[in-house]
Each structure stands twice: as C-alpha cells, then as structure tokens.
C-alpha atoms as a PDB file:
ATOM      1  CA  MET A   1      -0.117   0.085   0.022  1.00  0.00           C
ATOM      2  CA  THR A   2       1.235   3.525  -0.892  1.00  0.00           C
ATOM      3  CA  ILE A   3       1.435   6.056   1.822  1.00  0.00           C
ATOM      4  CA  ILE A   4       1.769   9.620   0.823  1.00  0.00           C
ATOM      5  CA  ARG A   5       3.643  11.990   3.213  1.00  0.00           C
ATOM      6  CA  ILE A   6       3.228  15.771   2.954  1.00  0.00           C
ATOM      7  CA  LEU A   7       6.213  17.900   3.298  1.00  0.00           C
ATOM      8  CA  HIS A   8       6.084  21.736   3.791  1.00  0.00           C
ATOM      9  CA  ARG A   9       8.563  24.035   2.302  1.00  0.00           C
ATOM     10  CA  GLU A  10       8.536  27.097   3.926  1.00  0.00           C
ATOM     11  CA  ALA A  11      11.320  29.717   3.333  1.00  0.00           C
ATOM     12  CA  GLY A  12      13.450  27.285   1.414  1.00  0.00           C
ATOM     13  CA  LYS A  13      13.422  24.682   4.159  1.00  0.00           C
ATOM     14  CA  VAL A  14      11.482  21.513   3.857  1.00  0.00           C
ATOM     15  CA  SER A  15       9.952  20.315   6.988  1.00  0.00           C
ATOM     16  CA  ASP A  16       8.194  16.993   8.052  1.00  0.00           C
ATOM     17  CA  TYR A  17       5.219  17.335  10.495  1.00  0.00           C
ATOM     18  CA  GLY A  18       4.247  13.549  10.153  1.00  0.00           C
ATOM     19  CA  HIS A  19       1.092  14.144   8.076  1.00  0.00           C
ATOM     20  CA  ASP A  20       0.291  10.686   6.392  1.00  0.00           C
ATOM     21  CA  TYR A  21      -2.514  10.009   3.730  1.00  0.00           C
ATOM     22  CA  GLY A  22      -3.392   7.229   1.455  1.00  0.00           C
ATOM     23  CA  PRO A  23      -4.201   7.509  -2.344  1.00  0.00           C
ATOM     24  CA  GLU A  24      -7.968   7.164  -1.474  1.00  0.00           C
ATOM     25  CA  ASP A  25      -7.605  10.691   0.267  1.00  0.00           C
ATOM     26  CA  PHE A  26      -6.756  12.044  -3.185  1.00  0.00           C
ATOM     27  CA  ALA A  27      -9.392  10.291  -5.324  1.00  0.00           C
ATOM     28  CA  GLY A  28      -7.165   7.463  -5.744  1.00  0.00           C
ATOM     29  CA  GLN A  29      -4.332   9.174  -7.212  1.00  0.00           C
ATOM     30  CA  VAL A  30      -0.853  10.563  -6.264  1.00  0.00           C
ATOM     31  CA  PRO A  31      -0.957  14.160  -6.698  1.00  0.00           C
ATOM     32  CA  ALA A  32       1.404  15.450  -9.368  1.00  0.00           C
ATOM     33  CA  ILE A  33       3.658  18.682  -9.176  1.00  0.00           C
ATOM     34  CA  GLY A  34       1.261  21.655  -9.861  1.00  0.00           C
ATOM     35  CA  ASP A  35      -1.818  20.030  -8.422  1.00  0.00           C
ATOM     36  CA  MET A  36      -3.408  21.894  -5.702  1.00  0.00           C
ATOM     37  CA  ILE A  37      -4.785  20.142  -2.482  1.00  0.00           C
ATOM     38  CA  LEU A  38      -7.282  21.602  -0.048  1.00  0.00           C
ATOM     39  CA  ASP A  39      -6.046  20.884   3.362  1.00  0.00           C
ATOM     40  CA  PRO A  40      -8.624  18.803   5.122  1.00  0.00           C
ATOM     41  CA  GLY A  41      -7.944  20.378   8.368  1.00  0.00           C
ATOM     42  CA  VAL A  42      -9.655  23.484   9.844  1.00  0.00           C
ATOM     43  CA  PRO A  43      -9.062  25.131  13.081  1.00  0.00           C
ATOM     44  CA  VAL A  44     -11.443  24.055  15.776  1.00  0.00           C
ATOM     45  CA  GLY A  45     -14.542  26.409  15.849  1.00  0.00           C
ATOM     46  CA  GLN A  46     -14.040  27.758  12.451  1.00  0.00           C
ATOM     47  CA  ASP A  47     -16.604  27.501   9.552  1.00  0.00           C
ATOM     48  CA  ARG A  48     -14.918  24.911   7.204  1.00  0.00           C
ATOM     49  CA  HIS A  49     -17.153  26.329   4.324  1.00  0.00           C
ATOM     50  CA  ASP A  50     -15.483  29.648   4.551  1.00  0.00           C
ATOM     51  CA  PRO A  51     -12.415  29.341   2.339  1.00  0.00           C
ATOM     52  CA  ARG A  52     -10.690  31.831   4.526  1.00  0.00           C
ATOM     53  CA  ASN A  53     -10.310  29.443   7.115  1.00  0.00           C
ATOM     54  CA  ARG A  54      -8.618  26.885   4.767  1.00  0.00           C
ATOM     55  CA  GLU A  55      -5.102  26.323   3.631  1.00  0.00           C
ATOM     56  CA  ILE A  56      -4.411  25.489  -0.169  1.00  0.00           C
ATOM     57  CA  TRP A  57      -1.362  23.274  -0.646  1.00  0.00           C
ATOM     58  CA  THR A  58       0.466  23.375  -4.251  1.00  0.00           C
ATOM     59  CA  VAL A  59       2.638  20.288  -5.044  1.00  0.00           C
ATOM     60  CA  VAL A  60       5.898  21.725  -6.019  1.00  0.00           C
ATOM     61  CA  GLY A  61       7.855  18.456  -5.740  1.00  0.00           C
ATOM     62  CA  ARG A  62       7.701  14.659  -5.160  1.00  0.00           C
ATOM     63  CA  VAL A  63      10.124  12.262  -3.609  1.00  0.00           C
ATOM     64  CA  PHE A  64       9.766   8.426  -3.979  1.00  0.00           C
ATOM     65  CA  ASN A  65      11.538   6.252  -1.359  1.00  0.00           C
ATOM     66  CA  PRO A  66      11.894   8.982   1.154  1.00  0.00           C
ATOM     67  CA  ARG A  67      14.476   7.800   4.072  1.00  0.00           C
ATOM     68  CA  ASP A  68      14.417   4.318   2.288  1.00  0.00           C
ATOM     69  CA  ASN A  69      10.674   3.776   2.728  1.00  0.00           C
ATOM     70  CA  LYS A  70       9.891   1.857  -0.298  1.00  0.00           C
ATOM     71  CA  ASP A  71       6.105   2.239   0.184  1.00  0.00           C
ATOM     72  CA  TYR A  72       6.159   6.048   0.632  1.00  0.00           C
ATOM     73  CA  VAL A  73       6.146   8.927  -1.558  1.00  0.00           C
ATOM     74  CA  SER A  74       6.524  12.339  -0.318  1.00  0.00           C
ATOM     75  CA  LEU A  75       4.805  15.559  -1.699  1.00  0.00           C
ATOM     76  CA  ILE A  76       6.558  18.775  -1.186  1.00  0.00           C
ATOM     77  CA  VAL A  77       4.049  21.575  -0.811  1.00  0.00           C
ATOM     78  CA  GLU A  78       3.880  25.180  -0.377  1.00  0.00           C
ATOM     79  CA  SER A  79       0.859  26.486   1.527  1.00  0.00           C
ATOM     80  CA  ARG A  80      -1.102  29.854   1.306  1.00  0.00           C
ATOM     81  CA  SER A  81      -4.256  30.711   3.127  1.00  0.00           C
ATOM     82  CA  GLY A  82      -7.520  30.562   1.345  1.00  0.00           C
ATOM     83  CA  THR A  83      -9.396  33.612   0.010  1.00  0.00           C
ATOM     84  CA  LEU A  84     -12.876  34.360  -1.084  1.00  0.00           C
ATOM     85  CA  ALA A  85     -11.784  33.681  -4.624  1.00  0.00           C
ATOM     86  CA  ASP A  86     -11.195  30.048  -3.633  1.00  0.00           C
ATOM     87  CA  GLU A  87     -15.073  29.588  -2.520  1.00  0.00           C
ATOM     88  CA  ALA A  88     -15.627  27.040  -5.270  1.00  0.00           C
ATOM     89  CA  PHE A  89     -13.818  24.396  -3.877  1.00  0.00           C
ATOM     90  CA  ALA A  90     -13.709  25.266  -0.160  1.00  0.00           C
END
C-alpha cells in the first residue's frame, strides 16, 4: 500500500510534520507537481465552508522512497491561506 507523506516547504526549508495520507484521500491518485490540495484540516470552531479558514497546498515536488521507505512517496507542498476567490472548492 502506498503512503503519501506531506512535506511543507517554507522559506526554502522542507519540514516533515508527520502528515500521512493514502491515495484514497486524493481520489485514488498520487498528486502531481502543480496540483492543488485543499488541506482537510480546519481550526477548531471555524467554519470549514469559509475558504478563508482553509489552506491551499500546491505540490512543488515529489520524492519516491524517502528515507528508504519503499512504500512512501513524499509530496513537497507550499501552502497559502484561502481567499474568497477559492470559494468554489472550499
């Protein structure tokens, strides 16, 4: 089974916060470079349907076999806050 690890790139540094997903979380696919992902997390007490309470991740890189974990693919993402312009998918 493939495990997808999200790595965050901020100010040129890539950080691993231990967020794992399966392909089923992405419609059965491994997102590709350029794909955008709506972060499934929403701060407690916030309206998940307000795009300003969401983060949008853009995939900027993919690493297969990270740290010699053959069943893993890591997605390197950059995040931004959602805006009202993102309401179609938030």
